[in-house]
Amino acid sequence: MADTKVYLLDGGSLVIDGFHAFWNRGPGGELRFPCYAVLVEHADGRYMFDTGYDFDHVMRVLPFEKPIQDKEQTIPGQLAKIGLKTDDIDYVINSHYHFDHCGGNKHLHKACTICHAKELEASGDCQPFEHLGYSDLTFAPDLHKKKNAGKELPPDPALDMYTPKFETLSGDQEIAKGLWLFETPGHTAGHYSMMVELKNRRPILFTADACYSKKNMDMMCISSFHLDPVASVKSLHRLKELAAKYDAELFYSHDPDSFKSYQTGANCYS
């Protein structure tokens, strides 16, 4: 793993209204968007950035988002396509803890979990209007059990053998050579975007939910699922400035048009 490689793991898709994807701009109506995880093979280990959503959780709690995900689009299924198992992942980095970015954490039993300190705190004590976003707490079984005390939930064998180790950060961090986390708050309290430097191409800057799509960036229009709209707009500008500073290519989190051109599966960027 001398040269860094980046794999995009297709996690299926969800539906939201266009007025949520493009806050107060639209157009309205159903918008189906992709969800994906990012695997970075680095000299220091294998890093997973976000883990998509859990189909059963979405069907139970947010069925109106109409998930489409087959078994090959789960984290175990996607890793199998590139010859890996879930225990081969050393670190999982979560941009934030909304359900569609942490649903596969529970499969990564041996990985150390890296996140912003404010994000871990917010996930266990979020604002009332954030409760659906933070509805899947299986990435932290203790929080999950505390929040759901007294409720009858379906058994989840993955949680019985998952005791995550957390490493919390704040500020911008180069967590490994050429692997950067940049603070981009607003969507949530402790949101991180990630940039990966590569040998044979421009760096890739993964916006995560600080920017859903190129259209959001072009219009400077945030999504409606945010904690702080002013900070969200500032983070849009920051991503644009970071891309210019490092000559990085922006990869958007939920862009149905851009996703068609992304390499996925066994194909990688290096």
C-alpha atoms as a PDB file:
ATOM      1  CA  MET A   1       0.000   0.000   0.000  1.00  0.00           C
ATOM      2  CA  ALA A   2       2.890   2.360  -0.761  1.00  0.00           C
ATOM      3  CA  ASP A   3       0.875   4.610  -3.102  1.00  0.00           C
ATOM      4  CA  THR A   4      -2.391   5.959  -1.764  1.00  0.00           C
ATOM      5  CA  LYS A   5      -5.511   4.650  -3.488  1.00  0.00           C
ATOM      6  CA  VAL A   6      -9.106   5.858  -3.149  1.00  0.00           C
ATOM      7  CA  TYR A   7     -12.164   3.674  -3.744  1.00  0.00           C
ATOM      8  CA  LEU A   8     -15.751   4.927  -3.842  1.00  0.00           C
ATOM      9  CA  LEU A   9     -18.164   2.368  -2.387  1.00  0.00           C
ATOM     10  CA  ASP A  10     -21.694   2.657  -3.780  1.00  0.00           C
ATOM     11  CA  GLY A  11     -24.206   2.499  -0.929  1.00  0.00           C
ATOM     12  CA  GLY A  12     -27.461   2.807  -2.854  1.00  0.00           C
ATOM     13  CA  SER A  13     -29.772   5.809  -2.950  1.00  0.00           C
ATOM     14  CA  LEU A  14     -32.441   7.747  -1.061  1.00  0.00           C
ATOM     15  CA  VAL A  15     -35.138  10.289  -1.919  1.00  0.00           C
ATOM     16  CA  ILE A  16     -35.709  13.796  -0.559  1.00  0.00           C
ATOM     17  CA  ASP A  17     -37.689  16.752  -1.805  1.00  0.00           C
ATOM     18  CA  GLY A  18     -35.903  19.239  -4.043  1.00  0.00           C
ATOM     19  CA  PHE A  19     -36.718  22.079  -1.649  1.00  0.00           C
ATOM     20  CA  HIS A  20     -34.681  20.248   1.010  1.00  0.00           C
ATOM     21  CA  ALA A  21     -31.762  19.543  -1.298  1.00  0.00           C
ATOM     22  CA  PHE A  22     -31.749  23.183  -2.443  1.00  0.00           C
ATOM     23  CA  TRP A  23     -33.068  25.107   0.534  1.00  0.00           C
ATOM     24  CA  ASN A  24     -35.907  27.450  -0.429  1.00  0.00           C
ATOM     25  CA  ARG A  25     -34.809  27.285  -4.069  1.00  0.00           C
ATOM     26  CA  GLY A  26     -35.941  23.943  -5.398  1.00  0.00           C
ATOM     27  CA  PRO A  27     -37.511  22.994  -7.718  1.00  0.00           C
ATOM     28  CA  GLY A  28     -39.630  20.800  -5.473  1.00  0.00           C
ATOM     29  CA  GLY A  29     -40.545  17.179  -6.068  1.00  0.00           C
ATOM     30  CA  GLU A  30     -38.778  13.898  -5.453  1.00  0.00           C
ATOM     31  CA  LEU A  31     -35.022  13.901  -5.936  1.00  0.00           C
ATOM     32  CA  ARG A  32     -33.240  10.540  -5.779  1.00  0.00           C
ATOM     33  CA  PHE A  33     -29.621  10.926  -4.729  1.00  0.00           C
ATOM     34  CA  PRO A  34     -26.659   8.574  -4.219  1.00  0.00           C
ATOM     35  CA  CYS A  35     -24.976   7.650  -0.949  1.00  0.00           C
ATOM     36  CA  TYR A  36     -21.427   6.347  -0.896  1.00  0.00           C
ATOM     37  CA  ALA A  37     -18.491   5.607   1.382  1.00  0.00           C
ATOM     38  CA  VAL A  38     -14.834   6.323   0.645  1.00  0.00           C
ATOM     39  CA  LEU A  39     -12.039   3.818   1.254  1.00  0.00           C
ATOM     40  CA  VAL A  40      -8.493   5.197   1.395  1.00  0.00           C
ATOM     41  CA  GLU A  41      -5.694   2.667   1.152  1.00  0.00           C
ATOM     42  CA  HIS A  42      -2.726   4.446   2.729  1.00  0.00           C
ATOM     43  CA  ALA A  43       0.749   3.432   3.858  1.00  0.00           C
ATOM     44  CA  ASP A  44      -0.460   3.919   7.452  1.00  0.00           C
ATOM     45  CA  GLY A  45      -3.543   1.727   7.060  1.00  0.00           C
ATOM     46  CA  ARG A  46      -7.013   1.571   5.553  1.00  0.00           C
ATOM     47  CA  TYR A  47      -9.302   4.510   6.293  1.00  0.00           C
ATOM     48  CA  MET A  48     -13.050   4.562   5.628  1.00  0.00           C
ATOM     49  CA  PHE A  49     -14.689   7.976   5.289  1.00  0.00           C
ATOM     50  CA  ASP A  50     -18.398   7.629   6.096  1.00  0.00           C
ATOM     51  CA  THR A  51     -20.281   4.349   5.819  1.00  0.00           C
ATOM     52  CA  GLY A  52     -23.647   5.141   4.197  1.00  0.00           C
ATOM     53  CA  TYR A  53     -27.018   4.108   5.586  1.00  0.00           C
ATOM     54  CA  ASP A  54     -28.504   0.939   7.022  1.00  0.00           C
ATOM     55  CA  PHE A  55     -31.457  -0.220   4.913  1.00  0.00           C
ATOM     56  CA  ASP A  56     -33.437  -1.746   7.783  1.00  0.00           C
ATOM     57  CA  HIS A  57     -33.071   1.393   9.888  1.00  0.00           C
ATOM     58  CA  VAL A  58     -34.296   3.645   7.092  1.00  0.00           C
ATOM     59  CA  MET A  59     -37.271   1.385   6.370  1.00  0.00           C
ATOM     60  CA  ARG A  60     -38.165   1.384  10.059  1.00  0.00           C
ATOM     61  CA  VAL A  61     -37.650   5.087  10.840  1.00  0.00           C
ATOM     62  CA  LEU A  62     -37.553   7.034   7.540  1.00  0.00           C
ATOM     63  CA  PRO A  63     -39.401   4.908   4.941  1.00  0.00           C
ATOM     64  CA  PHE A  64     -40.474   8.096   3.125  1.00  0.00           C
ATOM     65  CA  GLU A  65     -36.866   8.387   1.894  1.00  0.00           C
ATOM     66  CA  LYS A  66     -37.533   5.271  -0.232  1.00  0.00           C
ATOM     67  CA  PRO A  67     -34.159   3.509   0.077  1.00  0.00           C
ATOM     68  CA  ILE A  68     -32.852   1.394  -2.776  1.00  0.00           C
ATOM     69  CA  GLN A  69     -29.947  -0.768  -1.663  1.00  0.00           C
ATOM     70  CA  ASP A  70     -29.075  -4.367  -2.497  1.00  0.00           C
ATOM     71  CA  LYS A  71     -26.726  -6.605  -0.508  1.00  0.00           C
ATOM     72  CA  GLU A  72     -23.803  -5.710  -2.771  1.00  0.00           C
ATOM     73  CA  GLN A  73     -24.297  -2.048  -1.781  1.00  0.00           C
ATOM     74  CA  THR A  74     -23.769  -2.666   1.941  1.00  0.00           C
ATOM     75  CA  ILE A  75     -20.331  -2.047   3.439  1.00  0.00           C
ATOM     76  CA  PRO A  76     -19.512  -5.803   3.589  1.00  0.00           C
ATOM     77  CA  GLY A  77     -20.762  -6.225   0.011  1.00  0.00           C
ATOM     78  CA  GLN A  78     -18.750  -3.325  -1.371  1.00  0.00           C
ATOM     79  CA  LEU A  79     -15.566  -4.345   0.425  1.00  0.00           C
ATOM     80  CA  ALA A  80     -15.922  -7.869  -0.952  1.00  0.00           C
ATOM     81  CA  LYS A  81     -15.829  -6.431  -4.483  1.00  0.00           C
ATOM     82  CA  ILE A  82     -12.274  -5.239  -3.879  1.00  0.00           C
ATOM     83  CA  GLY A  83     -11.181  -8.351  -2.023  1.00  0.00           C
ATOM     84  CA  LEU A  84     -11.460  -7.018   1.528  1.00  0.00           C
ATOM     85  CA  LYS A  85     -13.358  -7.910   4.690  1.00  0.00           C
ATOM     86  CA  THR A  86     -14.796  -5.550   7.280  1.00  0.00           C
ATOM     87  CA  ASP A  87     -12.025  -6.406   9.760  1.00  0.00           C
ATOM     88  CA  ASP A  88      -9.447  -5.163   7.235  1.00  0.00           C
ATOM     89  CA  ILE A  89     -10.432  -1.546   7.969  1.00  0.00           C
ATOM     90  CA  ASP A  90      -8.174   0.181  10.510  1.00  0.00           C
ATOM     91  CA  TYR A  91      -9.958   3.535  10.888  1.00  0.00           C
ATOM     92  CA  VAL A  92     -13.426   4.847  10.176  1.00  0.00           C
ATOM     93  CA  ILE A  93     -13.764   8.617   9.876  1.00  0.00           C
ATOM     94  CA  ASN A  94     -17.254  10.070  10.071  1.00  0.00           C
ATOM     95  CA  SER A  95     -17.844  13.457   8.501  1.00  0.00           C
ATOM     96  CA  HIS A  96     -20.860  13.669  10.818  1.00  0.00           C
ATOM     97  CA  TYR A  97     -23.333  11.301  12.428  1.00  0.00           C
ATOM     98  CA  HIS A  98     -26.464  11.647  10.347  1.00  0.00           C
ATOM     99  CA  PHE A  99     -27.967   8.232   9.632  1.00  0.00           C
ATOM    100  CA  ASP A 100     -26.889   8.149   5.965  1.00  0.00           C
ATOM    101  CA  HIS A 101     -23.207   8.590   6.871  1.00  0.00           C
ATOM    102  CA  CYS A 102     -22.767   6.174   9.781  1.00  0.00           C
ATOM    103  CA  GLY A 103     -25.130   3.255   9.151  1.00  0.00           C
ATOM    104  CA  GLY A 104     -22.320   0.867   8.234  1.00  0.00           C
ATOM    105  CA  ASN A 105     -20.021   1.671  11.167  1.00  0.00           C
ATOM    106  CA  LYS A 106     -21.350  -1.299  13.116  1.00  0.00           C
ATOM    107  CA  HIS A 107     -19.754  -3.688  10.613  1.00  0.00           C
ATOM    108  CA  LEU A 108     -16.228  -2.325  11.158  1.00  0.00           C
ATOM    109  CA  HIS A 109     -15.501  -4.093  14.415  1.00  0.00           C
ATOM    110  CA  LYS A 110     -11.750  -3.515  14.571  1.00  0.00           C
ATOM    111  CA  ALA A 111     -11.609   0.052  13.295  1.00  0.00           C
ATOM    112  CA  CYS A 112     -10.791   3.050  15.462  1.00  0.00           C
ATOM    113  CA  THR A 113     -13.501   5.684  14.983  1.00  0.00           C
ATOM    114  CA  ILE A 114     -12.317   9.239  14.255  1.00  0.00           C
ATOM    115  CA  CYS A 115     -14.685  12.198  14.464  1.00  0.00           C
ATOM    116  CA  HIS A 116     -14.975  15.812  15.587  1.00  0.00           C
ATOM    117  CA  ALA A 117     -15.422  16.137  19.348  1.00  0.00           C
ATOM    118  CA  LYS A 118     -18.430  18.427  18.877  1.00  0.00           C
ATOM    119  CA  GLU A 119     -20.070  15.896  16.570  1.00  0.00           C
ATOM    120  CA  LEU A 120     -19.880  13.020  19.008  1.00  0.00           C
ATOM    121  CA  GLU A 121     -21.336  15.262  21.711  1.00  0.00           C
ATOM    122  CA  ALA A 122     -24.152  16.502  19.460  1.00  0.00           C
ATOM    123  CA  SER A 123     -25.132  13.014  18.333  1.00  0.00           C
ATOM    124  CA  GLY A 124     -26.117  12.098  21.871  1.00  0.00           C
ATOM    125  CA  ASP A 125     -27.773  15.431  22.686  1.00  0.00           C
ATOM    126  CA  CYS A 126     -29.052  16.944  19.448  1.00  0.00           C
ATOM    127  CA  GLN A 127     -31.591  19.686  18.875  1.00  0.00           C
ATOM    128  CA  PRO A 128     -35.218  18.483  18.541  1.00  0.00           C
ATOM    129  CA  PHE A 129     -35.305  19.286  14.819  1.00  0.00           C
ATOM    130  CA  GLU A 130     -32.238  17.068  14.282  1.00  0.00           C
ATOM    131  CA  HIS A 131     -33.718  13.903  15.755  1.00  0.00           C
ATOM    132  CA  LEU A 132     -34.296  12.109  12.437  1.00  0.00           C
ATOM    133  CA  GLY A 133     -30.824  12.978  11.200  1.00  0.00           C
ATOM    134  CA  TYR A 134     -29.309  11.492  14.356  1.00  0.00           C
ATOM    135  CA  SER A 135     -31.774   8.594  14.515  1.00  0.00           C
ATOM    136  CA  ASP A 136     -29.211   5.818  13.894  1.00  0.00           C
ATOM    137  CA  LEU A 137     -26.893   5.588  16.888  1.00  0.00           C
ATOM    138  CA  THR A 138     -25.627   2.076  16.239  1.00  0.00           C
ATOM    139  CA  PHE A 139     -22.160   3.577  15.622  1.00  0.00           C
ATOM    140  CA  ALA A 140     -22.045   4.028  19.421  1.00  0.00           C
ATOM    141  CA  PRO A 141     -23.900   1.131  21.104  1.00  0.00           C
ATOM    142  CA  ASP A 142     -23.866   2.781  24.546  1.00  0.00           C
ATOM    143  CA  LEU A 143     -25.632   5.860  23.158  1.00  0.00           C
ATOM    144  CA  HIS A 144     -27.967   3.617  21.168  1.00  0.00           C
ATOM    145  CA  LYS A 145     -29.002   1.644  24.262  1.00  0.00           C
ATOM    146  CA  LYS A 146     -29.384   4.762  26.400  1.00  0.00           C
ATOM    147  CA  LYS A 147     -31.610   6.545  23.887  1.00  0.00           C
ATOM    148  CA  ASN A 148     -33.756   3.461  23.232  1.00  0.00           C
ATOM    149  CA  ALA A 149     -34.085   2.289  26.837  1.00  0.00           C
ATOM    150  CA  GLY A 150     -37.487   0.680  27.315  1.00  0.00           C
ATOM    151  CA  LYS A 151     -38.167   0.341  23.587  1.00  0.00           C
ATOM    152  CA  GLU A 152     -38.544  -3.008  21.894  1.00  0.00           C
ATOM    153  CA  LEU A 153     -36.108  -2.996  18.991  1.00  0.00           C
ATOM    154  CA  PRO A 154     -35.270  -5.806  16.563  1.00  0.00           C
ATOM    155  CA  PRO A 155     -32.145  -7.735  17.575  1.00  0.00           C
ATOM    156  CA  ASP A 156     -28.963  -6.626  15.855  1.00  0.00           C
ATOM    157  CA  PRO A 157     -26.147  -9.197  16.213  1.00  0.00           C
ATOM    158  CA  ALA A 158     -23.616  -6.682  14.869  1.00  0.00           C
ATOM    159  CA  LEU A 159     -24.035  -4.544  17.995  1.00  0.00           C
ATOM    160  CA  ASP A 160     -23.334  -7.434  20.349  1.00  0.00           C
ATOM    161  CA  MET A 161     -19.753  -7.627  19.067  1.00  0.00           C
ATOM    162  CA  TYR A 162     -19.135  -3.953  18.387  1.00  0.00           C
ATOM    163  CA  THR A 163     -17.351  -1.863  21.016  1.00  0.00           C
ATOM    164  CA  PRO A 164     -16.001   1.172  19.158  1.00  0.00           C
ATOM    165  CA  LYS A 165     -12.832   3.014  20.086  1.00  0.00           C
ATOM    166  CA  PHE A 166     -13.224   6.757  19.557  1.00  0.00           C
ATOM    167  CA  GLU A 167     -10.546   9.303  18.767  1.00  0.00           C
ATOM    168  CA  THR A 168     -12.027  12.804  18.816  1.00  0.00           C
ATOM    169  CA  LEU A 169     -10.436  15.774  17.076  1.00  0.00           C
ATOM    170  CA  SER A 170     -10.997  19.487  16.628  1.00  0.00           C
ATOM    171  CA  GLY A 171      -9.649  21.944  14.109  1.00  0.00           C
ATOM    172  CA  ASP A 172      -8.064  21.059  10.780  1.00  0.00           C
ATOM    173  CA  GLN A 173      -5.910  17.946  10.974  1.00  0.00           C
ATOM    174  CA  GLU A 174      -3.518  16.027   8.735  1.00  0.00           C
ATOM    175  CA  ILE A 175      -4.271  12.621  10.244  1.00  0.00           C
ATOM    176  CA  ALA A 176      -1.837  10.805   7.941  1.00  0.00           C
ATOM    177  CA  LYS A 177       0.554  12.053   5.268  1.00  0.00           C
ATOM    178  CA  GLY A 178      -1.594  13.652   2.566  1.00  0.00           C
ATOM    179  CA  LEU A 179      -4.873  12.831   4.334  1.00  0.00           C
ATOM    180  CA  TRP A 180      -6.535  15.993   5.606  1.00  0.00           C
ATOM    181  CA  LEU A 181      -9.672  16.741   7.608  1.00  0.00           C
ATOM    182  CA  PHE A 182     -11.044  20.282   7.293  1.00  0.00           C
ATOM    183  CA  GLU A 183     -13.677  21.761   9.590  1.00  0.00           C
ATOM    184  CA  THR A 184     -16.807  22.655   7.601  1.00  0.00           C
ATOM    185  CA  PRO A 185     -19.518  23.192  10.241  1.00  0.00           C
ATOM    186  CA  GLY A 186     -23.072  24.352   9.748  1.00  0.00           C
ATOM    187  CA  HIS A 187     -24.759  21.233   8.441  1.00  0.00           C
ATOM    188  CA  THR A 188     -23.931  19.846  11.882  1.00  0.00           C
ATOM    189  CA  ALA A 189     -21.929  21.117  14.850  1.00  0.00           C
ATOM    190  CA  GLY A 190     -18.756  19.148  14.139  1.00  0.00           C
ATOM    191  CA  HIS A 191     -18.760  18.441  10.414  1.00  0.00           C
ATOM    192  CA  TYR A 192     -15.536  17.446   8.640  1.00  0.00           C
ATOM    193  CA  SER A 193     -14.698  17.336   4.933  1.00  0.00           C
ATOM    194  CA  MET A 194     -11.738  15.233   3.791  1.00  0.00           C
ATOM    195  CA  MET A 195      -8.984  15.811   1.241  1.00  0.00           C
ATOM    196  CA  VAL A 196      -6.725  13.061  -0.104  1.00  0.00           C
ATOM    197  CA  GLU A 197      -3.476  13.823  -1.926  1.00  0.00           C
ATOM    198  CA  LEU A 198      -2.639  11.327  -4.696  1.00  0.00           C
ATOM    199  CA  LYS A 199       0.470  10.581  -6.766  1.00  0.00           C
ATOM    200  CA  ASN A 200      -1.002  10.550 -10.253  1.00  0.00           C
ATOM    201  CA  ARG A 201      -3.799  13.131 -10.175  1.00  0.00           C
ATOM    202  CA  ARG A 202      -5.087  16.244  -8.441  1.00  0.00           C
ATOM    203  CA  PRO A 203      -6.102  15.920  -4.785  1.00  0.00           C
ATOM    204  CA  ILE A 204      -9.699  14.893  -4.127  1.00  0.00           C
ATOM    205  CA  LEU A 205     -11.684  17.005  -1.665  1.00  0.00           C
ATOM    206  CA  PHE A 206     -14.747  15.142  -0.405  1.00  0.00           C
ATOM    207  CA  THR A 207     -17.282  17.750   0.656  1.00  0.00           C
ATOM    208  CA  ALA A 208     -19.525  15.360   2.594  1.00  0.00           C
ATOM    209  CA  ASP A 209     -22.751  17.160   3.495  1.00  0.00           C
ATOM    210  CA  ALA A 210     -21.205  20.605   3.653  1.00  0.00           C
ATOM    211  CA  CYS A 211     -22.169  20.571  -0.036  1.00  0.00           C
ATOM    212  CA  TYR A 212     -24.571  18.035  -1.534  1.00  0.00           C
ATOM    213  CA  SER A 213     -23.872  18.743  -5.198  1.00  0.00           C
ATOM    214  CA  LYS A 214     -22.181  20.904  -7.805  1.00  0.00           C
ATOM    215  CA  LYS A 215     -25.496  22.698  -8.252  1.00  0.00           C
ATOM    216  CA  ASN A 216     -25.444  23.646  -4.561  1.00  0.00           C
ATOM    217  CA  MET A 217     -21.939  25.036  -5.000  1.00  0.00           C
ATOM    218  CA  ASP A 218     -22.747  26.887  -8.217  1.00  0.00           C
ATOM    219  CA  MET A 219     -25.814  28.544  -6.630  1.00  0.00           C
ATOM    220  CA  MET A 220     -24.176  28.918  -3.176  1.00  0.00           C
ATOM    221  CA  CYS A 221     -27.317  27.203  -1.907  1.00  0.00           C
ATOM    222  CA  ILE A 222     -27.200  24.958   1.167  1.00  0.00           C
ATOM    223  CA  SER A 223     -29.482  22.031   1.937  1.00  0.00           C
ATOM    224  CA  SER A 224     -32.267  22.465   4.464  1.00  0.00           C
ATOM    225  CA  PHE A 225     -30.916  19.861   6.877  1.00  0.00           C
ATOM    226  CA  HIS A 226     -28.651  22.147   8.859  1.00  0.00           C
ATOM    227  CA  LEU A 227     -27.939  23.293  12.362  1.00  0.00           C
ATOM    228  CA  ASP A 228     -26.642  26.755  11.412  1.00  0.00           C
ATOM    229  CA  PRO A 229     -27.437  28.180   7.950  1.00  0.00           C
ATOM    230  CA  VAL A 230     -24.940  31.049   8.250  1.00  0.00           C
ATOM    231  CA  ALA A 231     -22.099  28.683   9.119  1.00  0.00           C
ATOM    232  CA  SER A 232     -23.264  26.378   6.316  1.00  0.00           C
ATOM    233  CA  VAL A 233     -22.856  29.127   3.728  1.00  0.00           C
ATOM    234  CA  LYS A 234     -19.425  30.013   5.126  1.00  0.00           C
ATOM    235  CA  SER A 235     -18.417  26.373   4.731  1.00  0.00           C
ATOM    236  CA  LEU A 236     -19.489  26.422   1.073  1.00  0.00           C
ATOM    237  CA  HIS A 237     -17.121  29.336   0.539  1.00  0.00           C
ATOM    238  CA  ARG A 238     -14.397  27.580   2.519  1.00  0.00           C
ATOM    239  CA  LEU A 239     -14.630  24.467   0.339  1.00  0.00           C
ATOM    240  CA  LYS A 240     -14.316  26.609  -2.759  1.00  0.00           C
ATOM    241  CA  GLU A 241     -11.258  28.347  -1.304  1.00  0.00           C
ATOM    242  CA  LEU A 242      -9.649  25.045  -0.262  1.00  0.00           C
ATOM    243  CA  ALA A 243     -10.178  23.595  -3.741  1.00  0.00           C
ATOM    244  CA  ALA A 244      -8.450  26.623  -5.259  1.00  0.00           C
ATOM    245  CA  LYS A 245      -5.599  26.606  -2.724  1.00  0.00           C
ATOM    246  CA  TYR A 246      -4.739  22.925  -3.229  1.00  0.00           C
ATOM    247  CA  ASP A 247      -5.916  22.606  -6.850  1.00  0.00           C
ATOM    248  CA  ALA A 248      -8.256  19.910  -5.555  1.00  0.00           C
ATOM    249  CA  GLU A 249     -11.216  18.367  -7.344  1.00  0.00           C
ATOM    250  CA  LEU A 250     -14.451  18.553  -5.373  1.00  0.00           C
ATOM    251  CA  PHE A 251     -16.360  15.294  -4.967  1.00  0.00           C
ATOM    252  CA  TYR A 252     -19.908  15.903  -3.751  1.00  0.00           C
ATOM    253  CA  SER A 253     -21.823  13.709  -1.315  1.00  0.00           C
ATOM    254  CA  HIS A 254     -25.276  13.447  -2.898  1.00  0.00           C
ATOM    255  CA  ASP A 255     -24.996  14.573  -6.514  1.00  0.00           C
ATOM    256  CA  PRO A 256     -26.896  12.277  -8.909  1.00  0.00           C
ATOM    257  CA  ASP A 257     -25.326  13.927 -11.955  1.00  0.00           C
ATOM    258  CA  SER A 258     -21.704  13.962 -10.780  1.00  0.00           C
ATOM    259  CA  PHE A 259     -21.956  10.442  -9.339  1.00  0.00           C
ATOM    260  CA  LYS A 260     -22.472   9.016 -12.829  1.00  0.00           C
ATOM    261  CA  SER A 261     -18.915  10.052 -13.717  1.00  0.00           C
ATOM    262  CA  TYR A 262     -17.282   8.793 -10.488  1.00  0.00           C
ATOM    263  CA  GLN A 263     -15.312   5.543 -10.526  1.00  0.00           C
ATOM    264  CA  THR A 264     -16.833   2.995  -8.161  1.00  0.00           C
ATOM    265  CA  GLY A 265     -16.392  -0.626  -7.179  1.00  0.00           C
ATOM    266  CA  ALA A 266     -12.983  -2.144  -7.927  1.00  0.00           C
ATOM    267  CA  ASN A 267     -11.912   0.943  -9.871  1.00  0.00           C
ATOM    268  CA  CYS A 268      -9.812   3.396  -7.911  1.00  0.00           C
ATOM    269  CA  TYR A 269      -8.165   6.816  -7.989  1.00  0.00           C
ATOM    270  CA  SER A 270      -4.434   6.896  -7.306  1.00  0.00           C
END
